[in-house]
Amino acid sequence: MTNEKSFSPMSGYPILFLELLLIAGTIYLLTLDMIWALAFILPIILILPGFFVVYPNGSTVLTLFGDYKGTVKKNGFFWANPFFAKKKISLRARNFDSERVKVNDKVGNPILISVILVWRVRDTYKAAFEVDNYEHFVTVQTDAAVRKLAGLYPYDNFDDEEAEITLRSGVHDVNEAMEKELDERLAIAGIEVLEARIGYLAYAPEIAQAMLRRQQATAIVAARYKIVEGAVGMVEAALEQLSHKEIIQLDEEKKATMVSNLMVVLCGDRDASPVINTGTLHQ
């Protein structure tokens, strides 16, 4: 396998000056002798294809009849063998926002996911000759990596409570895994992955409403658990203070009734309606 190598071409300015002299000489000879003027036209035509410009964060890959000669990364105006084939490859960082694809997560739930990728060309030889079209290669391999990664993790831990990393909560770990996966896949094309992260993540429309209701139910249960836990503590504290201050003597039946009433008041969704009992508990 051939690796990228540097090529140092000639500055284009002296050759441009020579080209201008040849053009001026041709114009002058046209007024004197047409045959000698035609003799100057051939070198003018041969010299012109050798000029090329390399912009900042750009490069030009040079080949001669299929033989790789090197890559010019130095900025400026240059001239090289006019028979060289020249292919420009940008070295700038690029963004790629993939399409939202529908895949199944680890537990089989259909989800929609996309990835934002920041990449650039690191090896111009691999980008030019190891793959047919390195930009299309980035698109296809990114899609494949997203599908593979989505199947390794559950969307959340509702169905897999033992899952330590999920697509929804383990963003940092998932993004690191995605960067590593894409870096390995794109290395063959000389592509360097600067950053990869999930750009969009959601349940597929056909199960989105059901999952939303499940999340709401889970939140309600968790809130109720906290309310009951706090109410039990408050009831316990109330009974202890009543007994300690000897405000009233309660037997087991009265304690049970008080606990029941307090739990209803503290855990209910609505404001309590007071009831005045002028008799005993049994009247």
Protein backbone atom coordinates (compact mmCIF):
# COMPACT_ATOMS: atom_id res chain seq x y z
CA MET A 1 0.00 0.00 0.00
CA THR A 2 1.36 3.44 -0.95
CA ASN A 3 1.12 6.22 1.60
CA GLU A 4 0.77 9.92 1.04
CA LYS A 5 3.98 11.67 0.04
CA SER A 6 4.81 15.31 -0.42
CA PHE A 7 5.58 16.90 -3.78
CA SER A 8 7.35 20.26 -4.21
CA PRO A 9 6.44 21.91 -7.53
CA MET A 10 8.03 24.95 -9.12
CA SER A 11 6.73 28.42 -8.40
CA GLY A 12 4.30 29.45 -11.09
CA TYR A 13 5.44 33.06 -11.42
CA PRO A 14 8.67 32.55 -13.47
CA ILE A 15 6.84 30.18 -15.83
CA LEU A 16 4.00 32.70 -16.10
CA PHE A 17 6.51 35.38 -17.07
CA LEU A 18 7.96 33.03 -19.72
CA GLU A 19 4.45 32.32 -20.97
CA LEU A 20 3.74 36.02 -21.34
CA LEU A 21 6.99 36.49 -23.29
CA LEU A 22 6.04 33.65 -25.63
CA ILE A 23 2.61 35.18 -26.19
CA ALA A 24 4.15 38.58 -26.88
CA GLY A 25 6.68 37.01 -29.27
CA THR A 26 3.90 35.14 -31.08
CA ILE A 27 1.94 38.34 -31.56
CA TYR A 28 5.02 40.09 -32.90
CA LEU A 29 5.88 37.25 -35.29
CA LEU A 30 2.35 37.21 -36.64
CA THR A 31 3.11 40.56 -38.21
CA LEU A 32 6.30 39.17 -39.82
CA ASP A 33 6.09 35.47 -40.57
CA MET A 34 3.11 33.22 -39.91
CA ILE A 35 5.22 30.01 -39.91
CA TRP A 36 7.55 31.16 -37.09
CA ALA A 37 4.53 32.38 -35.12
CA LEU A 38 2.98 28.90 -35.28
CA ALA A 39 6.22 27.47 -33.84
CA PHE A 40 5.66 29.56 -30.67
CA ILE A 41 2.02 28.50 -30.26
CA LEU A 42 2.83 24.86 -29.39
CA PRO A 43 4.92 25.63 -26.25
CA ILE A 44 2.32 28.15 -25.16
CA ILE A 45 -0.36 25.47 -25.31
CA LEU A 46 1.83 22.90 -23.50
CA ILE A 47 2.79 25.25 -20.66
CA LEU A 48 -0.74 26.41 -19.77
CA PRO A 49 -2.07 23.13 -18.23
CA GLY A 50 0.85 23.06 -15.77
CA PHE A 51 -0.42 26.02 -13.72
CA PHE A 52 -2.41 25.36 -10.56
CA VAL A 53 -3.28 27.05 -7.26
CA VAL A 54 -3.44 25.51 -3.77
CA TYR A 55 -5.61 27.40 -1.31
CA PRO A 56 -5.28 27.36 2.52
CA ASN A 57 -6.41 23.99 3.96
CA GLY A 58 -6.44 22.58 0.46
CA SER A 59 -4.31 20.10 -1.47
CA THR A 60 -3.69 18.84 -4.98
CA VAL A 61 -2.95 15.18 -5.77
CA LEU A 62 -0.64 14.72 -8.78
CA THR A 63 -0.51 11.63 -10.99
CA LEU A 64 1.35 10.95 -14.25
CA PHE A 65 -0.38 8.42 -16.49
CA GLY A 66 -1.75 6.58 -13.45
CA ASP A 67 1.46 6.82 -11.38
CA TYR A 68 1.06 8.69 -8.08
CA LYS A 69 3.71 11.41 -7.85
CA GLY A 70 2.75 13.13 -4.62
CA THR A 71 0.49 15.66 -2.93
CA VAL A 72 0.99 19.42 -2.79
CA LYS A 73 -0.28 20.94 0.48
CA LYS A 74 1.75 24.15 0.45
CA ASN A 75 -0.34 27.19 -0.39
CA GLY A 76 0.45 29.26 -3.46
CA PHE A 77 0.66 29.49 -7.25
CA PHE A 78 2.65 26.63 -8.82
CA TRP A 79 3.63 25.00 -12.09
CA ALA A 80 4.28 21.31 -12.65
CA ASN A 81 4.58 18.91 -15.53
CA PRO A 82 1.64 19.75 -17.84
CA PHE A 83 0.95 16.04 -18.29
CA PHE A 84 0.24 15.64 -14.57
CA ALA A 85 -3.38 14.90 -13.70
CA LYS A 86 -4.43 17.11 -10.81
CA LYS A 87 -7.14 16.31 -8.27
CA LYS A 88 -8.04 18.86 -5.63
CA ILE A 89 -8.94 17.56 -2.14
CA SER A 90 -10.06 19.88 0.63
CA LEU A 91 -8.44 19.45 4.05
CA ARG A 92 -11.03 21.61 5.82
CA ALA A 93 -13.22 20.24 8.61
CA ARG A 94 -16.72 19.37 7.40
CA ASN A 95 -20.08 18.77 9.05
CA PHE A 96 -22.35 15.90 8.11
CA ASP A 97 -25.86 15.68 9.55
CA SER A 98 -27.16 12.22 8.72
CA GLU A 99 -30.75 11.45 7.88
CA ARG A 100 -33.04 10.14 10.60
CA VAL A 101 -33.11 6.38 10.29
CA LYS A 102 -35.54 3.96 11.91
CA VAL A 103 -33.76 1.15 13.76
CA ASN A 104 -34.46 -1.21 16.66
CA ASP A 105 -32.67 -0.63 19.93
CA LYS A 106 -31.21 -3.43 22.05
CA VAL A 107 -34.61 -4.54 23.38
CA GLY A 108 -36.36 -4.27 20.01
CA ASN A 109 -38.11 -0.90 20.34
CA PRO A 110 -38.27 1.02 17.02
CA ILE A 111 -36.53 4.39 17.36
CA LEU A 112 -35.53 7.31 15.12
CA ILE A 113 -31.90 8.37 15.36
CA SER A 114 -29.45 10.60 13.50
CA VAL A 115 -25.84 11.59 14.05
CA ILE A 116 -23.83 14.78 13.54
CA LEU A 117 -20.31 14.07 12.32
CA VAL A 118 -17.34 16.44 12.06
CA TRP A 119 -14.59 15.04 9.83
CA ARG A 120 -11.72 15.96 7.55
CA VAL A 121 -9.30 14.28 5.15
CA ARG A 122 -6.09 13.18 6.85
CA ASP A 123 -4.44 11.08 4.10
CA THR A 124 -5.02 12.38 0.56
CA TYR A 125 -3.67 9.21 -1.09
CA LYS A 126 -6.25 7.00 0.64
CA ALA A 127 -9.05 9.50 -0.01
CA ALA A 128 -8.18 9.67 -3.70
CA PHE A 129 -7.34 6.04 -4.49
CA GLU A 130 -8.55 3.65 -1.76
CA VAL A 131 -12.25 4.40 -2.32
CA ASP A 132 -14.26 5.51 -5.35
CA ASN A 133 -15.82 8.58 -3.73
CA TYR A 134 -14.68 9.41 -0.21
CA GLU A 135 -17.59 11.81 0.48
CA HIS A 136 -20.16 9.14 -0.42
CA PHE A 137 -18.11 6.64 1.60
CA VAL A 138 -18.50 8.85 4.69
CA THR A 139 -22.28 8.99 4.19
CA VAL A 140 -22.74 5.22 3.82
CA GLN A 141 -20.40 4.23 6.64
CA THR A 142 -21.96 6.76 9.02
CA ASP A 143 -25.40 5.29 8.35
CA ALA A 144 -24.07 1.75 8.96
CA ALA A 145 -22.35 2.80 12.20
CA VAL A 146 -25.53 4.44 13.53
CA ARG A 147 -27.58 1.31 12.84
CA LYS A 148 -25.00 -0.90 14.54
CA LEU A 149 -24.61 1.36 17.58
CA ALA A 150 -28.36 1.77 18.13
CA GLY A 151 -28.68 -2.02 18.40
CA LEU A 152 -26.09 -2.22 21.17
CA TYR A 153 -27.92 -0.04 23.71
CA PRO A 154 -31.54 0.27 24.90
CA TYR A 155 -33.30 3.59 24.43
CA ASP A 156 -33.85 3.78 28.20
CA ASN A 157 -33.83 1.37 31.14
CA PHE A 158 -37.61 0.81 31.38
CA ASP A 159 -37.31 -2.58 29.72
CA ASP A 160 -33.75 -3.27 30.84
CA GLU A 161 -33.31 -2.00 34.38
CA GLU A 162 -29.81 -3.51 34.60
CA ALA A 163 -28.56 -1.43 31.66
CA GLU A 164 -25.88 0.98 32.84
CA ILE A 165 -25.65 2.85 29.52
CA THR A 166 -28.68 3.88 27.49
CA LEU A 167 -29.06 6.00 24.36
CA ARG A 168 -31.08 8.60 26.26
CA SER A 169 -29.02 8.99 29.43
CA GLY A 170 -25.55 7.73 28.49
CA VAL A 171 -24.90 10.38 25.86
CA HIS A 172 -21.21 10.82 26.67
CA ASP A 173 -20.41 7.10 26.55
CA VAL A 174 -22.51 6.53 23.44
CA ASN A 175 -20.84 9.43 21.60
CA GLU A 176 -17.39 8.09 22.50
CA ALA A 177 -18.33 4.65 21.19
CA MET A 178 -19.68 6.21 18.01
CA GLU A 179 -16.48 8.22 17.44
CA LYS A 180 -14.37 5.08 17.85
CA GLU A 181 -16.60 3.06 15.52
CA LEU A 182 -16.60 5.72 12.81
CA ASP A 183 -12.87 6.33 13.13
CA GLU A 184 -12.21 2.65 12.46
CA ARG A 185 -14.62 2.51 9.53
CA LEU A 186 -13.36 5.70 7.83
CA ALA A 187 -9.64 5.07 8.34
CA ILE A 188 -9.51 3.11 5.06
CA ALA A 189 -10.43 6.33 3.21
CA GLY A 190 -7.92 8.47 5.10
CA ILE A 191 -10.69 10.25 7.01
CA GLU A 192 -10.14 11.63 10.53
CA VAL A 193 -13.18 11.84 12.81
CA LEU A 194 -13.06 15.01 14.89
CA GLU A 195 -16.41 14.60 16.64
CA ALA A 196 -19.47 12.39 16.44
CA ARG A 197 -22.60 12.83 18.52
CA ILE A 198 -26.29 11.93 18.44
CA GLY A 199 -28.21 14.73 16.76
CA TYR A 200 -31.74 13.36 17.10
CA LEU A 201 -33.23 10.58 19.20
CA ALA A 202 -36.87 9.63 19.68
CA TYR A 203 -39.22 6.68 19.68
CA ALA A 204 -40.78 5.85 16.33
CA PRO A 205 -44.25 7.43 15.85
CA GLU A 206 -46.10 4.10 16.15
CA ILE A 207 -44.99 3.60 19.76
CA ALA A 208 -44.26 7.18 20.84
CA GLN A 209 -47.66 7.74 22.52
CA ALA A 210 -47.53 4.43 24.37
CA MET A 211 -44.02 5.14 25.62
CA LEU A 212 -45.04 8.62 26.70
CA ARG A 213 -47.92 7.22 28.76
CA ARG A 214 -45.54 4.70 30.31
CA GLN A 215 -43.09 7.42 31.25
CA GLN A 216 -45.91 9.48 32.76
CA ALA A 217 -47.13 6.46 34.74
CA THR A 218 -43.63 5.80 36.02
CA ALA A 219 -43.28 9.42 37.08
CA ILE A 220 -46.63 9.32 38.87
CA VAL A 221 -45.71 6.13 40.71
CA ALA A 222 -42.38 7.62 41.77
CA ALA A 223 -44.10 10.79 42.99
CA ARG A 224 -46.70 8.77 44.91
CA TYR A 225 -43.97 6.72 46.53
CA LYS A 226 -42.30 9.89 47.80
CA ILE A 227 -45.63 11.28 49.05
CA VAL A 228 -46.46 8.08 50.93
CA GLU A 229 -42.94 7.91 52.37
CA GLY A 230 -43.24 11.48 53.65
CA ALA A 231 -46.78 10.93 54.97
CA VAL A 232 -45.72 7.88 56.98
CA GLY A 233 -42.96 9.93 58.58
CA MET A 234 -45.38 12.74 59.42
CA VAL A 235 -47.93 10.34 60.94
CA GLU A 236 -45.25 8.66 63.00
CA ALA A 237 -44.01 12.02 64.27
CA ALA A 238 -47.57 13.15 65.10
CA LEU A 239 -48.29 10.01 67.18
CA GLU A 240 -44.97 10.31 69.00
CA GLN A 241 -45.58 13.95 69.92
CA LEU A 242 -49.15 13.28 71.08
CA SER A 243 -47.94 10.46 73.28
CA HIS A 244 -44.91 12.37 74.55
CA LYS A 245 -46.88 15.51 75.50
CA GLU A 246 -49.74 13.43 76.87
CA ILE A 247 -52.29 15.54 75.03
CA ILE A 248 -54.59 12.60 74.54
CA GLN A 249 -54.52 8.92 75.34
CA LEU A 250 -55.16 6.78 72.29
CA ASP A 251 -55.89 3.12 72.28
CA GLU A 252 -55.00 0.92 69.29
CA GLU A 253 -58.35 1.44 67.62
CA LYS A 254 -58.13 5.22 67.86
CA LYS A 255 -54.55 5.16 66.64
CA ALA A 256 -55.62 3.12 63.61
CA THR A 257 -58.41 5.58 62.86
CA MET A 258 -56.08 8.58 63.21
CA VAL A 259 -53.45 6.98 61.00
CA SER A 260 -56.11 6.24 58.39
CA ASN A 261 -57.44 9.81 58.44
CA LEU A 262 -53.97 11.38 58.30
CA MET A 263 -52.88 9.18 55.41
CA VAL A 264 -56.02 10.12 53.46
CA VAL A 265 -55.40 13.83 54.10
CA LEU A 266 -51.68 13.73 53.32
CA CYS A 267 -51.84 11.45 50.28
CA GLY A 268 -55.08 12.64 48.69
CA ASP A 269 -55.21 14.61 45.42
CA ARG A 270 -57.89 16.97 46.75
CA ASP A 271 -58.16 19.20 49.79
CA ALA A 272 -59.62 17.45 52.81
CA SER A 273 -63.19 18.26 53.90
CA PRO A 274 -63.30 18.51 57.71
CA VAL A 275 -66.03 16.55 59.54
CA ILE A 276 -66.93 17.37 63.13
CA ASN A 277 -67.74 14.29 65.21
CA THR A 278 -69.71 15.21 68.36
CA GLY A 279 -70.02 11.66 69.58
CA THR A 280 -67.68 8.72 69.86
CA LEU A 281 -66.13 6.74 67.07
CA HIS A 282 -69.07 4.33 67.14
CA GLN A 283 -71.88 6.90 67.18
